[in-house]
Amino acid sequence: MKFKGTLIVVKDCKKALKFYQDMFGFELIRDNDGNMELSGNLYLQEEKYWERFTGRRIIPQSNQTELYFEEPEINSFVKKLERLRG
């Protein structure tokens, strides 16, 4: 398992990108239409994609964040989780 960065759910990626560029100097690495990867391991995802993926609604002003990981061997990782769960 590899830690990838922090994902922030936003209403509008383009507006959020401008804020993070202007405020912190982040640079856009990849734009996948509603999902953006920025320098510094920061990821932006539009609310509609988050809700569709998780099946849950966003709670406004709740300061929700997600730690984002990537795993190339997902089946092995699931087995590891099952072992650790007991």
Protein backbone atom coordinates (compact mmCIF):
# COMPACT_ATOMS: atom_id res chain seq x y z
CA MET A 1 0.00 0.00 0.00
CA LYS A 2 1.32 3.42 -0.92
CA PHE A 3 0.08 6.71 0.52
CA LYS A 4 -0.79 8.97 -2.41
CA GLY A 5 -1.95 12.20 -0.78
CA THR A 6 -5.01 14.07 0.41
CA LEU A 7 -8.29 14.24 -1.50
CA ILE A 8 -10.60 17.21 -0.97
CA VAL A 9 -14.20 17.10 -2.18
CA VAL A 10 -15.24 20.38 -3.80
CA LYS A 11 -18.25 21.76 -5.63
CA ASP A 12 -16.24 23.05 -8.60
CA CYS A 13 -12.74 21.76 -9.43
CA LYS A 14 -11.87 24.74 -11.62
CA LYS A 15 -12.67 27.25 -8.87
CA ALA A 16 -10.89 25.13 -6.26
CA LEU A 17 -7.87 24.77 -8.53
CA LYS A 18 -7.61 28.54 -8.88
CA PHE A 19 -7.80 28.92 -5.09
CA TYR A 20 -5.09 26.34 -4.40
CA GLN A 21 -2.89 27.73 -7.16
CA ASP A 22 -3.28 31.32 -5.98
CA MET A 23 -3.15 30.58 -2.26
CA PHE A 24 -0.51 27.88 -2.05
CA GLY A 25 1.17 27.73 -5.44
CA PHE A 26 -0.04 24.23 -6.28
CA GLU A 27 0.31 23.25 -9.93
CA LEU A 28 -2.13 21.17 -11.97
CA ILE A 29 -0.63 17.82 -12.93
CA ARG A 30 -3.70 16.08 -14.37
CA ASP A 31 -7.28 17.08 -15.09
CA ASN A 32 -9.75 14.22 -15.48
CA ASP A 33 -12.92 16.30 -15.74
CA GLY A 34 -14.02 16.59 -12.13
CA ASN A 35 -10.99 14.84 -10.67
CA MET A 36 -7.71 16.73 -10.49
CA GLU A 37 -4.23 15.85 -9.35
CA LEU A 38 -2.14 18.77 -8.10
CA SER A 39 1.46 19.04 -7.07
CA GLY A 40 2.14 18.29 -3.41
CA ASN A 41 0.01 15.13 -3.52
CA LEU A 42 -3.25 17.06 -3.37
CA TYR A 43 -6.31 15.73 -5.19
CA LEU A 44 -9.57 17.54 -5.89
CA GLN A 45 -12.79 15.67 -6.66
CA GLU A 46 -16.14 17.23 -7.48
CA GLU A 47 -18.96 16.46 -5.11
CA LYS A 48 -21.11 14.70 -7.73
CA TYR A 49 -18.37 12.13 -8.41
CA TRP A 50 -17.75 11.57 -4.71
CA GLU A 51 -21.44 10.99 -4.04
CA ARG A 52 -21.82 8.66 -7.02
CA PHE A 53 -18.75 6.63 -6.01
CA THR A 54 -19.46 6.39 -2.27
CA GLY A 55 -23.26 6.41 -2.37
CA ARG A 56 -23.23 9.07 0.35
CA ARG A 57 -24.14 12.74 0.39
CA ILE A 58 -21.68 15.42 1.42
CA ILE A 59 -22.39 17.18 4.70
CA PRO A 60 -21.69 20.89 4.07
CA GLN A 61 -19.03 22.49 6.27
CA SER A 62 -18.15 19.17 7.90
CA ASN A 63 -14.44 19.40 7.01
CA GLN A 64 -14.51 15.90 5.49
CA THR A 65 -11.30 14.64 3.94
CA GLU A 66 -10.03 11.34 2.62
CA LEU A 67 -6.63 9.71 2.64
CA TYR A 68 -6.11 8.38 -0.87
CA PHE A 69 -4.05 5.24 -1.49
CA GLU A 70 -3.29 3.18 -4.57
CA GLU A 71 -2.63 -0.55 -4.50
CA PRO A 72 -1.46 -2.41 -7.60
CA GLU A 73 -2.29 -5.82 -6.07
CA ILE A 74 -5.79 -5.18 -4.75
CA ASN A 75 -6.69 -8.85 -4.25
CA SER A 76 -3.61 -9.45 -2.11
CA PHE A 77 -4.38 -6.31 -0.16
CA VAL A 78 -7.98 -7.39 0.49
CA LYS A 79 -6.66 -10.70 1.84
CA LYS A 80 -4.25 -8.80 4.06
CA LEU A 81 -7.12 -6.69 5.41
CA GLU A 82 -9.16 -9.80 6.09
CA ARG A 83 -6.23 -11.37 7.98
CA LEU A 84 -5.71 -8.25 10.06
CA ARG A 85 -9.42 -8.02 10.81
CA GLY A 86 -9.28 -11.46 12.37
